[in-house]
Amino acid sequence: MRVLITGVTGFVGRYLARALVDLGCEVYGLYRRRASGRKPEIPGVSLIEGDLTDLTSILFALDESSPDVIFHLGAQTYVPRSFIDPLETFRANCLGTQNLLEAVRLKDLDPVIVFAGSSEEYGLQIVSESQYERLLRKYGVVYPPPERIPELPISEENPLRPMSPYAVSKVYGDFLMRNYHVSYGLKTVVSRAFNHEGAGRGHQFVTSKIVRQLVMFKQGKIDHIEIGNVNAFRDWSHVKDIVKGYLLLAEKGRYGDVYVQGSMRTNSVLTYILLTAEELGYDVKAIKTVRGDKEVKSPTELDDSEMFGVRFVKTKVDTMMLNEELHFDLKDKGIYIITDRGNIPVIFDPKSFRPSDVPILLSDTRKIERLGFKVEHSLGSIIRDQINYYLNPENQFIS
């Protein structure tokens, strides 16, 4: 099988390429020339220089690769960056997707095209009546209004309420993929993958920020951790699980359809910090705010009770936050993690807070499970892989 991957040099692209090479596929990867002029190297992959915003270069890439399957991962994927330069994000993600589909149509090719959508497309999902009232006070309107509360877990049928330029660009690509199926008969399949992490995740993403800083703290290179909103809940998967989902959708996905990918669990950014500290050998006794007015003992105590109709593993602080018994904001200044080896200061960085944020994501993966998908990695295994990556001093450096 001949495969073309756009965004092959990215975090997920490299994992996907490796999996396809191991399966014996003939793999081609589209990459954009770097400012240094140096060509990347990915073992077993034939690299094609091109730019998704240039239709002609995509046409040439299709000539060279003649793909049976295209995995369209190429995009500007960093949400905070999309707030700073929305036009860059729309050019790469909207025009880039349009060019790829149009190139396939103009060439009269017939590959399966798997599109990397995003859980960010869902944006605001309503957890409780009180949260809904707060959101209405903050934004004035939540559209479309919820038909049920809570709206979790999130399936393919949940309303789309994108909260960033990046999320809007992915909604555009999502609908465009399905339109090219119904209008021109292209074999498109949309994946809406929830957050996926692992060794090599970009330094700027929150899980990498957490793990990198905590590794450096343990090594005595820094004396505190800086982070943004610790209340945000995300459905974190291992990148290897998501890659298996992409392969499954290319083989068994129904053309013109949408599939949610995720772990069907949700945990807070704070929990990711605390579990990372524990994986690094710290015995976490308690947490308390810098101001000292909030304290939780045994914050990492685990339970797998049912919430939102789903049974999943979460920490004590997760449960408290989900039950609206605990919340942190900039006025708290930060948190001290109290451990057997002393305190770990976690300082809230105002610059890391987004203009508008997604409070919680929790996937409903039952549709893709019917194709044979199964989650194989725990949250702890994701964190361990990231720790092993950052224990290498070379990977701690940010150019």
Protein backbone atom coordinates (compact mmCIF):
# COMPACT_ATOMS: atom_id res chain seq x y z
CA MET A 1 0.00 0.00 0.00
CA ARG A 2 1.24 3.48 -0.92
CA VAL A 3 0.60 6.13 1.73
CA LEU A 4 1.05 9.90 1.78
CA ILE A 5 1.24 11.70 5.13
CA THR A 6 0.93 15.48 5.27
CA GLY A 7 2.60 16.92 8.35
CA VAL A 8 4.91 13.90 8.48
CA THR A 9 7.61 15.77 10.42
CA GLY A 10 5.20 16.65 13.22
CA PHE A 11 4.71 14.84 16.51
CA VAL A 12 1.96 12.47 15.34
CA GLY A 13 3.29 12.21 11.79
CA ARG A 14 6.51 10.55 12.90
CA TYR A 15 4.67 7.97 15.03
CA LEU A 16 2.25 7.23 12.18
CA ALA A 17 5.06 6.93 9.64
CA ARG A 18 6.93 4.48 11.86
CA ALA A 19 3.81 2.33 12.29
CA LEU A 20 3.14 2.28 8.52
CA VAL A 21 6.75 1.41 7.69
CA ASP A 22 6.58 -1.46 10.20
CA LEU A 23 3.45 -2.70 8.38
CA GLY A 24 5.41 -2.81 5.11
CA CYS A 25 3.75 0.19 3.46
CA GLU A 26 5.48 2.43 0.93
CA VAL A 27 5.37 5.70 2.82
CA TYR A 28 5.72 9.22 1.43
CA GLY A 29 5.73 12.31 3.58
CA LEU A 30 5.03 15.91 2.64
CA TYR A 31 7.26 18.40 4.43
CA ARG A 32 7.80 22.13 4.21
CA ARG A 33 11.34 23.45 3.80
CA ARG A 34 12.79 24.73 7.05
CA ALA A 35 14.44 28.12 7.44
CA SER A 36 17.78 26.33 7.97
CA GLY A 37 17.38 24.61 4.61
CA ARG A 38 18.19 21.25 6.23
CA LYS A 39 16.11 18.30 5.02
CA PRO A 40 14.60 16.21 7.84
CA GLU A 41 15.22 12.47 8.04
CA ILE A 42 12.55 9.89 8.82
CA PRO A 43 13.71 6.27 8.38
CA GLY A 44 11.83 4.39 5.67
CA VAL A 45 9.94 7.47 4.43
CA SER A 46 10.37 9.12 1.03
CA LEU A 47 10.12 12.84 1.75
CA ILE A 48 8.54 15.25 -0.72
CA GLU A 49 9.08 18.97 -0.32
CA GLY A 50 5.88 20.96 -0.63
CA ASP A 51 3.52 23.47 0.94
CA LEU A 52 -0.17 22.86 1.61
CA THR A 53 -0.91 26.51 0.80
CA ASP A 54 0.50 25.99 -2.73
CA LEU A 55 -1.85 23.90 -4.87
CA THR A 56 0.80 23.22 -7.52
CA SER A 57 3.20 21.64 -5.03
CA ILE A 58 0.39 19.35 -3.81
CA LEU A 59 -0.32 18.25 -7.38
CA PHE A 60 3.36 17.34 -7.82
CA ALA A 61 3.33 15.45 -4.49
CA LEU A 62 0.36 13.37 -5.64
CA ASP A 63 2.15 12.57 -8.90
CA GLU A 64 5.19 11.32 -7.01
CA SER A 65 3.36 9.34 -4.34
CA SER A 66 0.29 7.97 -6.19
CA PRO A 67 -1.25 7.21 -2.78
CA ASP A 68 -3.83 4.59 -1.91
CA VAL A 69 -4.31 6.35 1.43
CA ILE A 70 -3.68 9.95 2.52
CA PHE A 71 -3.42 10.88 6.19
CA HIS A 72 -3.95 14.63 6.36
CA LEU A 73 -2.19 15.71 9.57
CA GLY A 74 -0.53 18.87 8.25
CA ALA A 75 -1.73 21.92 10.18
CA GLN A 76 -0.86 24.71 12.59
CA THR A 77 -1.87 22.84 15.74
CA TYR A 78 -0.89 25.08 18.67
CA VAL A 79 -4.05 26.68 20.06
CA PRO A 80 -2.43 29.70 21.80
CA ARG A 81 -0.56 30.56 18.60
CA SER A 82 -3.86 30.67 16.72
CA PHE A 83 -5.00 33.55 18.95
CA ILE A 84 -1.82 35.50 18.18
CA ASP A 85 -1.91 34.98 14.39
CA PRO A 86 -5.32 33.69 13.27
CA LEU A 87 -4.57 34.30 9.58
CA GLU A 88 -1.57 31.98 9.66
CA THR A 89 -3.75 29.27 11.18
CA PHE A 90 -6.52 29.73 8.62
CA ARG A 91 -4.09 29.72 5.70
CA ALA A 92 -2.44 26.49 6.82
CA ASN A 93 -5.50 24.65 8.09
CA CYS A 94 -8.34 25.89 5.86
CA LEU A 95 -6.62 26.68 2.57
CA GLY A 96 -4.24 23.76 3.05
CA THR A 97 -7.11 21.29 3.44
CA GLN A 98 -8.96 22.83 0.50
CA ASN A 99 -5.88 22.51 -1.71
CA LEU A 100 -5.34 18.87 -0.81
CA LEU A 101 -8.92 17.88 -1.59
CA GLU A 102 -8.99 19.95 -4.76
CA ALA A 103 -5.71 18.41 -5.93
CA VAL A 104 -7.14 14.90 -5.45
CA ARG A 105 -10.27 15.92 -7.36
CA LEU A 106 -8.38 17.58 -10.21
CA LYS A 107 -6.13 14.52 -10.59
CA ASP A 108 -9.17 12.23 -10.56
CA LEU A 109 -7.52 10.04 -7.91
CA ASP A 110 -9.32 7.65 -5.57
CA PRO A 111 -7.41 7.40 -2.26
CA VAL A 112 -8.93 7.05 1.18
CA ILE A 113 -8.35 10.39 2.97
CA VAL A 114 -8.27 10.39 6.77
CA PHE A 115 -8.54 13.90 8.20
CA ALA A 116 -7.08 14.80 11.59
CA GLY A 117 -9.88 16.81 13.12
CA SER A 118 -9.82 17.79 16.78
CA SER A 119 -11.75 17.62 20.01
CA GLU A 120 -11.26 21.40 20.12
CA GLU A 121 -14.09 21.59 17.58
CA TYR A 122 -16.52 20.81 20.43
CA GLY A 123 -15.37 23.75 22.54
CA LEU A 124 -17.84 24.57 25.30
CA GLN A 125 -19.61 21.47 26.56
CA ILE A 126 -22.03 21.99 29.42
CA VAL A 127 -21.41 20.07 32.63
CA SER A 128 -24.01 21.51 35.00
CA GLU A 129 -26.80 24.07 35.24
CA SER A 130 -24.62 26.35 37.36
CA GLN A 131 -21.79 26.20 34.82
CA TYR A 132 -24.25 27.00 32.04
CA GLU A 133 -25.45 30.06 33.94
CA ARG A 134 -21.85 31.24 34.46
CA LEU A 135 -21.10 30.82 30.76
CA LEU A 136 -24.21 32.79 29.81
CA ARG A 137 -23.12 35.62 32.11
CA LYS A 138 -19.60 35.54 30.65
CA TYR A 139 -20.41 35.22 26.92
CA GLY A 140 -24.03 36.38 26.72
CA VAL A 141 -24.97 33.40 24.55
CA VAL A 142 -24.10 29.72 24.19
CA TYR A 143 -25.06 28.50 20.74
CA PRO A 144 -26.49 26.08 20.04
CA PRO A 145 -28.14 25.89 23.47
CA PRO A 146 -27.79 22.53 25.23
CA GLU A 147 -30.49 19.92 24.67
CA ARG A 148 -29.28 17.95 27.70
CA ILE A 149 -27.16 18.73 30.75
CA PRO A 150 -24.56 17.37 31.25
CA GLU A 151 -23.40 17.09 27.64
CA LEU A 152 -20.74 14.54 28.58
CA PRO A 153 -19.38 12.23 27.37
CA ILE A 154 -18.83 13.80 23.94
CA SER A 155 -19.93 11.76 20.94
CA GLU A 156 -20.02 12.51 17.23
CA GLU A 157 -23.49 14.06 17.70
CA ASN A 158 -22.51 16.68 20.29
CA PRO A 159 -22.84 20.34 19.25
CA LEU A 160 -19.76 22.12 17.92
CA ARG A 161 -18.92 25.32 19.81
CA PRO A 162 -15.30 26.11 18.83
CA MET A 163 -13.52 28.47 21.22
CA SER A 164 -10.33 29.37 19.32
CA PRO A 165 -9.26 30.24 15.76
CA TYR A 166 -7.56 26.83 15.65
CA ALA A 167 -10.82 25.08 16.58
CA VAL A 168 -12.76 27.05 13.94
CA SER A 169 -10.20 26.07 11.29
CA LYS A 170 -10.66 22.41 12.18
CA VAL A 171 -14.46 22.71 11.95
CA TYR A 172 -13.91 24.13 8.45
CA GLY A 173 -11.76 21.17 7.42
CA ASP A 174 -14.16 18.71 9.05
CA PHE A 175 -17.15 20.00 7.03
CA LEU A 176 -15.06 20.38 3.89
CA MET A 177 -13.99 16.73 4.01
CA ARG A 178 -17.59 15.61 4.25
CA ASN A 179 -18.70 18.01 1.53
CA TYR A 180 -16.11 16.64 -0.91
CA HIS A 181 -17.51 13.18 -0.20
CA VAL A 182 -21.12 14.08 -0.95
CA SER A 183 -20.28 16.50 -3.79
CA TYR A 184 -17.46 14.69 -5.57
CA GLY A 185 -17.44 11.16 -4.15
CA LEU A 186 -14.05 11.42 -2.42
CA LYS A 187 -13.37 8.71 0.17
CA THR A 188 -12.97 10.98 3.17
CA VAL A 189 -13.10 9.94 6.84
CA VAL A 190 -12.97 12.46 9.69
CA SER A 191 -11.26 11.69 12.99
CA ARG A 192 -11.97 13.99 15.91
CA ALA A 193 -9.14 12.94 18.18
CA PHE A 194 -8.99 14.18 21.73
CA ASN A 195 -5.65 15.26 23.26
CA HIS A 196 -2.84 12.82 22.57
CA GLU A 197 0.58 12.90 24.20
CA GLY A 198 3.83 10.97 24.43
CA ALA A 199 7.59 11.24 24.07
CA GLY A 200 8.50 14.04 21.67
CA ARG A 201 5.37 16.16 22.13
CA GLY A 202 6.22 19.80 21.34
CA HIS A 203 7.71 21.82 24.20
CA GLN A 204 4.90 24.40 24.00
CA PHE A 205 2.07 21.96 24.76
CA VAL A 206 0.86 21.86 28.35
CA THR A 207 1.80 18.26 29.18
CA SER A 208 5.33 18.79 27.89
CA LYS A 209 5.59 22.04 29.85
CA ILE A 210 4.58 20.17 32.98
CA VAL A 211 6.88 17.16 32.59
CA ARG A 212 9.89 19.13 31.33
CA GLN A 213 9.72 21.61 34.22
CA LEU A 214 9.23 18.94 36.88
CA VAL A 215 12.18 16.92 35.56
CA MET A 216 14.34 20.04 35.62
CA PHE A 217 13.06 20.90 39.12
CA LYS A 218 14.08 17.47 40.39
CA GLN A 219 17.50 17.95 38.81
CA GLY A 220 17.90 21.29 40.61
CA LYS A 221 17.95 23.33 37.39
CA ILE A 222 14.91 25.45 38.33
CA ASP A 223 13.29 26.32 41.66
CA HIS A 224 9.61 26.49 40.68
CA ILE A 225 7.08 25.47 38.01
CA GLU A 226 5.07 27.93 35.92
CA ILE A 227 1.71 26.97 34.43
CA GLY A 228 -1.61 28.44 33.26
CA ASN A 229 -5.11 27.18 34.00
CA VAL A 230 -4.92 24.09 36.23
CA ASN A 231 -8.72 23.68 36.29
CA ALA A 232 -8.98 22.59 32.65
CA PHE A 233 -9.96 18.94 32.17
CA ARG A 234 -8.75 17.01 29.15
CA ASP A 235 -9.23 13.51 27.74
CA TRP A 236 -5.56 12.50 27.33
CA SER A 237 -4.61 9.52 25.15
CA HIS A 238 -1.26 8.04 24.26
CA VAL A 239 -0.25 9.02 20.73
CA LYS A 240 0.26 5.32 19.91
CA ASP A 241 -3.41 4.62 20.65
CA ILE A 242 -4.49 7.47 18.37
CA VAL A 243 -2.20 6.25 15.58
CA LYS A 244 -3.85 2.81 15.78
CA GLY A 245 -7.17 4.59 15.48
CA TYR A 246 -6.04 6.37 12.31
CA LEU A 247 -4.97 3.05 10.78
CA LEU A 248 -8.32 1.51 11.74
CA LEU A 249 -10.26 4.38 10.14
CA ALA A 250 -8.28 4.08 6.91
CA GLU A 251 -9.18 0.38 6.76
CA LYS A 252 -12.73 0.27 8.14
CA GLY A 253 -14.05 3.83 8.46
CA ARG A 254 -17.22 4.68 6.55
CA TYR A 255 -16.61 7.31 3.89
CA GLY A 256 -18.15 10.69 4.65
CA ASP A 257 -18.47 9.81 8.34
CA VAL A 258 -17.01 11.17 11.59
CA TYR A 259 -15.37 9.23 14.44
CA VAL A 260 -14.38 10.38 17.93
CA GLN A 261 -11.03 9.12 19.21
CA GLY A 262 -10.02 9.32 22.85
CA SER A 263 -9.49 7.50 26.13
CA MET A 264 -13.00 7.97 27.61
CA ARG A 265 -11.52 9.48 30.78
CA THR A 266 -10.95 13.08 31.85
CA ASN A 267 -8.38 14.51 34.25
CA SER A 268 -7.36 18.01 35.24
CA VAL A 269 -4.14 19.81 34.40
CA LEU A 270 -3.52 19.84 38.15
CA THR A 271 -3.76 16.05 38.27
CA TYR A 272 -1.25 15.80 35.40
CA ILE A 273 1.15 17.88 37.51
CA LEU A 274 0.63 15.83 40.65
CA LEU A 275 0.91 12.43 38.93
CA THR A 276 4.06 13.56 37.15
CA ALA A 277 5.58 14.50 40.52
CA GLU A 278 4.68 11.05 41.84
CA GLU A 279 6.17 9.31 38.79
CA LEU A 280 9.38 11.23 39.53
CA GLY A 281 9.51 9.71 43.00
CA TYR A 282 7.84 12.39 45.12
CA ASP A 283 5.32 11.29 47.75
CA VAL A 284 2.59 13.93 47.41
CA LYS A 285 1.10 14.62 50.85
CA ALA A 286 -1.07 17.67 50.17
CA ILE A 287 -1.50 20.82 48.13
CA LYS A 288 -2.22 24.32 49.34
CA THR A 289 -2.49 27.69 47.64
CA VAL A 290 0.27 30.28 47.97
CA ARG A 291 -2.22 32.45 49.87
CA GLY A 292 -2.87 29.50 52.17
CA ASP A 293 -6.67 29.62 52.09
CA LYS A 294 -7.19 26.37 50.16
CA GLU A 295 -5.70 23.02 51.12
CA VAL A 296 -6.35 19.43 50.07
CA LYS A 297 -4.72 16.47 51.80
CA SER A 298 -3.98 13.26 49.86
CA PRO A 299 -4.88 15.00 46.58
CA THR A 300 -3.80 12.06 44.37
CA GLU A 301 -5.99 9.50 46.08
CA LEU A 302 -7.56 7.56 43.20
CA ASP A 303 -11.08 6.37 42.59
CA ASP A 304 -12.84 4.91 39.56
CA SER A 305 -16.39 5.90 40.43
CA GLU A 306 -18.90 6.66 37.71
CA MET A 307 -19.32 10.24 36.57
CA PHE A 308 -21.28 11.51 33.56
CA GLY A 309 -22.38 7.91 33.05
CA VAL A 310 -18.76 6.74 32.57
CA ARG A 311 -16.50 4.88 35.02
CA PHE A 312 -12.93 6.18 34.84
CA VAL A 313 -9.90 6.68 37.10
CA LYS A 314 -9.53 10.16 38.59
CA THR A 315 -7.88 11.80 41.57
CA LYS A 316 -9.40 13.33 44.68
CA VAL A 317 -8.80 16.84 43.33
CA ASP A 318 -10.42 15.85 40.02
CA THR A 319 -13.54 14.75 41.84
CA MET A 320 -13.62 17.90 43.94
CA MET A 321 -13.27 20.16 40.91
CA LEU A 322 -15.84 18.22 38.88
CA ASN A 323 -18.25 18.54 41.81
CA GLU A 324 -17.50 22.30 41.89
CA GLU A 325 -16.05 22.03 45.41
CA LEU A 326 -12.62 23.32 44.36
CA HIS A 327 -11.41 25.93 41.90
CA PHE A 328 -8.18 27.87 41.39
CA ASP A 329 -7.68 31.25 39.73
CA LEU A 330 -5.01 33.93 39.33
CA LYS A 331 -5.87 35.44 42.72
CA ASP A 332 -4.55 32.24 44.32
CA LYS A 333 -1.14 33.07 42.74
CA GLY A 334 -0.13 29.41 42.72
CA ILE A 335 0.01 26.13 44.61
CA TYR A 336 2.57 24.46 46.85
CA ILE A 337 2.80 20.70 46.32
CA ILE A 338 3.75 19.36 49.74
CA THR A 339 5.90 16.22 49.42
CA ASP A 340 8.25 14.04 51.44
CA ARG A 341 11.13 15.94 49.80
CA GLY A 342 9.90 19.45 50.45
CA ASN A 343 7.54 21.78 48.63
CA ILE A 344 7.25 22.14 44.87
CA PRO A 345 6.07 25.70 44.06
CA VAL A 346 3.67 25.86 41.10
CA ILE A 347 3.19 29.50 40.08
CA PHE A 348 0.24 30.62 37.93
CA ASP A 349 1.48 32.45 34.83
CA PRO A 350 -1.05 35.04 33.56
CA LYS A 351 0.46 34.89 30.05
CA SER A 352 -0.45 31.20 29.81
CA PHE A 353 -4.17 31.79 30.27
CA ARG A 354 -6.13 31.79 26.98
CA PRO A 355 -8.59 34.55 26.02
CA SER A 356 -11.27 31.83 25.89
CA ASP A 357 -10.76 28.27 27.02
CA VAL A 358 -12.44 24.89 26.86
CA PRO A 359 -13.34 23.83 30.43
CA ILE A 360 -13.66 20.05 29.98
CA LEU A 361 -13.37 17.31 27.39
CA LEU A 362 -14.44 13.69 27.82
CA SER A 363 -14.81 11.44 24.80
CA ASP A 364 -17.44 8.87 23.95
CA THR A 365 -15.53 6.33 21.85
CA ARG A 366 -18.24 3.70 21.43
CA LYS A 367 -18.61 4.32 17.68
CA ILE A 368 -14.95 3.64 16.81
CA GLU A 369 -14.90 0.79 19.34
CA ARG A 370 -17.42 -0.97 17.11
CA LEU A 371 -14.69 -1.00 14.42
CA GLY A 372 -12.31 -2.71 16.88
CA PHE A 373 -10.64 0.23 18.62
CA LYS A 374 -9.34 -0.33 22.16
CA VAL A 375 -7.43 1.96 24.55
CA GLU A 376 -4.18 0.28 25.59
CA HIS A 377 -2.31 2.96 27.53
CA SER A 378 -3.00 4.44 30.97
CA LEU A 379 -2.42 8.07 31.91
CA GLY A 380 0.59 6.94 33.96
CA SER A 381 2.21 5.28 30.95
CA ILE A 382 1.88 8.51 28.94
CA ILE A 383 3.58 10.47 31.72
CA ARG A 384 6.37 7.88 32.06
CA ASP A 385 7.15 8.09 28.35
CA GLN A 386 7.35 11.88 28.55
CA ILE A 387 9.58 11.69 31.64
CA ASN A 388 11.97 9.33 29.85
CA TYR A 389 12.14 11.77 26.95
CA TYR A 390 12.96 14.76 29.15
CA LEU A 391 15.45 12.91 31.33
CA ASN A 392 17.72 13.30 28.30
CA PRO A 393 19.25 16.78 28.85
CA GLU A 394 19.35 17.38 25.09
CA ASN A 395 15.55 17.31 24.98
CA GLN A 396 15.22 19.92 27.74
CA PHE A 397 16.73 22.59 25.52
CA ILE A 398 14.33 24.99 23.79
CA SER A 399 15.79 26.78 20.80
